[in-house]
Amino acid sequence: MKYPVLDAKATGAHIKELRIQLNIKVSDIADYMGFESEQAIYKWQRGESLPAVDNLYALSKLFNTTIDEILVGEE
């Protein structure tokens, strides 16, 4: 078994892909999360940072998918 490693850029691409598929705007995510700005979401999408566990959970509910799907995509 290989130790799993998260790829921030790939995770960001998955977030962006899921958001676009569901026709959700970055501003919609910011509002849903209660963020004052959209900057964190753009950082996630660019792979500059990863969402915290609570934010991953919230994204999974918003996107109606699993945290695994957000982090690593379809396998």
C-alpha atoms as a PDB file:
ATOM      1  CA  MET A   1       0.000   0.000   0.000  1.00  0.00           C
ATOM      2  CA  LYS A   2       1.321   3.410  -0.980  1.00  0.00           C
ATOM      3  CA  TYR A   3       1.177   6.306   1.485  1.00  0.00           C
ATOM      4  CA  PRO A   4      -1.363   8.877   0.193  1.00  0.00           C
ATOM      5  CA  VAL A   5      -0.054  12.344  -0.530  1.00  0.00           C
ATOM      6  CA  LEU A   6      -2.296  15.288  -1.291  1.00  0.00           C
ATOM      7  CA  ASP A   7      -1.568  17.432  -4.325  1.00  0.00           C
ATOM      8  CA  ALA A   8      -2.778  20.973  -3.590  1.00  0.00           C
ATOM      9  CA  LYS A   9      -2.880  21.953  -7.276  1.00  0.00           C
ATOM     10  CA  ALA A  10      -4.921  18.867  -8.200  1.00  0.00           C
ATOM     11  CA  THR A  11      -7.265  19.465  -5.271  1.00  0.00           C
ATOM     12  CA  GLY A  12      -7.733  23.065  -6.412  1.00  0.00           C
ATOM     13  CA  ALA A  13      -8.510  21.839  -9.913  1.00  0.00           C
ATOM     14  CA  HIS A  14     -11.110  19.426  -8.489  1.00  0.00           C
ATOM     15  CA  ILE A  15     -12.746  22.227  -6.498  1.00  0.00           C
ATOM     16  CA  LYS A  16     -12.910  24.430  -9.579  1.00  0.00           C
ATOM     17  CA  GLU A  17     -14.187  21.583 -11.770  1.00  0.00           C
ATOM     18  CA  LEU A  18     -16.937  20.636  -9.317  1.00  0.00           C
ATOM     19  CA  ARG A  19     -17.924  24.285  -8.878  1.00  0.00           C
ATOM     20  CA  ILE A  20     -18.212  24.801 -12.634  1.00  0.00           C
ATOM     21  CA  GLN A  21     -20.125  21.533 -13.170  1.00  0.00           C
ATOM     22  CA  LEU A  22     -22.684  22.653 -10.611  1.00  0.00           C
ATOM     23  CA  ASN A  23     -22.792  26.209 -11.979  1.00  0.00           C
ATOM     24  CA  ILE A  24     -21.771  27.669  -8.613  1.00  0.00           C
ATOM     25  CA  LYS A  25     -19.985  31.012  -8.503  1.00  0.00           C
ATOM     26  CA  VAL A  26     -17.006  31.680  -6.263  1.00  0.00           C
ATOM     27  CA  SER A  27     -19.098  34.385  -4.586  1.00  0.00           C
ATOM     28  CA  ASP A  28     -21.782  31.764  -3.851  1.00  0.00           C
ATOM     29  CA  ILE A  29     -19.211  29.607  -2.044  1.00  0.00           C
ATOM     30  CA  ALA A  30     -17.933  32.611  -0.083  1.00  0.00           C
ATOM     31  CA  ASP A  31     -21.493  33.456   0.987  1.00  0.00           C
ATOM     32  CA  TYR A  32     -22.241  29.822   1.897  1.00  0.00           C
ATOM     33  CA  MET A  33     -19.070  29.617   3.999  1.00  0.00           C
ATOM     34  CA  GLY A  34     -19.662  32.994   5.625  1.00  0.00           C
ATOM     35  CA  PHE A  35     -16.404  34.430   4.262  1.00  0.00           C
ATOM     36  CA  GLU A  36     -16.057  38.181   3.924  1.00  0.00           C
ATOM     37  CA  SER A  37     -14.109  37.808   0.667  1.00  0.00           C
ATOM     38  CA  GLU A  38     -13.555  35.247  -2.074  1.00  0.00           C
ATOM     39  CA  GLN A  39      -9.759  35.221  -1.682  1.00  0.00           C
ATOM     40  CA  ALA A  40      -9.532  31.888   0.179  1.00  0.00           C
ATOM     41  CA  ILE A  41     -11.537  30.106  -2.506  1.00  0.00           C
ATOM     42  CA  TYR A  42      -9.308  31.492  -5.262  1.00  0.00           C
ATOM     43  CA  LYS A  43      -6.258  30.299  -3.275  1.00  0.00           C
ATOM     44  CA  TRP A  44      -7.785  26.832  -3.021  1.00  0.00           C
ATOM     45  CA  GLN A  45      -8.504  26.757  -6.757  1.00  0.00           C
ATOM     46  CA  ARG A  46      -4.933  27.817  -7.593  1.00  0.00           C
ATOM     47  CA  GLY A  47      -3.518  25.183  -5.249  1.00  0.00           C
ATOM     48  CA  GLU A  48      -1.847  27.771  -3.020  1.00  0.00           C
ATOM     49  CA  SER A  49      -3.585  26.359   0.057  1.00  0.00           C
ATOM     50  CA  LEU A  50      -5.951  23.571   1.036  1.00  0.00           C
ATOM     51  CA  PRO A  51      -9.306  24.054   2.752  1.00  0.00           C
ATOM     52  CA  ALA A  52      -9.406  23.289   6.479  1.00  0.00           C
ATOM     53  CA  VAL A  53     -11.252  20.130   7.502  1.00  0.00           C
ATOM     54  CA  ASP A  54     -14.441  22.010   8.424  1.00  0.00           C
ATOM     55  CA  ASN A  55     -14.378  23.815   5.078  1.00  0.00           C
ATOM     56  CA  LEU A  56     -13.829  20.522   3.221  1.00  0.00           C
ATOM     57  CA  TYR A  57     -16.859  19.105   5.004  1.00  0.00           C
ATOM     58  CA  ALA A  58     -18.938  22.148   4.042  1.00  0.00           C
ATOM     59  CA  LEU A  59     -17.746  21.924   0.413  1.00  0.00           C
ATOM     60  CA  SER A  60     -18.672  18.242   0.283  1.00  0.00           C
ATOM     61  CA  LYS A  61     -22.220  19.123   1.366  1.00  0.00           C
ATOM     62  CA  LEU A  62     -22.460  22.048  -1.076  1.00  0.00           C
ATOM     63  CA  PHE A  63     -21.128  19.951  -3.975  1.00  0.00           C
ATOM     64  CA  ASN A  64     -23.081  16.849  -2.867  1.00  0.00           C
ATOM     65  CA  THR A  65     -19.936  14.719  -3.038  1.00  0.00           C
ATOM     66  CA  THR A  66     -17.327  13.169  -0.769  1.00  0.00           C
ATOM     67  CA  ILE A  67     -14.280  14.799   0.744  1.00  0.00           C
ATOM     68  CA  ASP A  68     -12.190  12.174  -1.099  1.00  0.00           C
ATOM     69  CA  GLU A  69     -13.636  13.359  -4.417  1.00  0.00           C
ATOM     70  CA  ILE A  70     -12.652  16.933  -3.583  1.00  0.00           C
ATOM     71  CA  LEU A  71      -9.151  15.983  -2.446  1.00  0.00           C
ATOM     72  CA  VAL A  72      -8.135  13.380  -5.000  1.00  0.00           C
ATOM     73  CA  GLY A  73     -10.826  13.305  -7.678  1.00  0.00           C
ATOM     74  CA  GLU A  74     -12.237  10.186  -9.256  1.00  0.00           C
ATOM     75  CA  GLU A  75     -10.022   7.148  -9.093  1.00  0.00           C
END
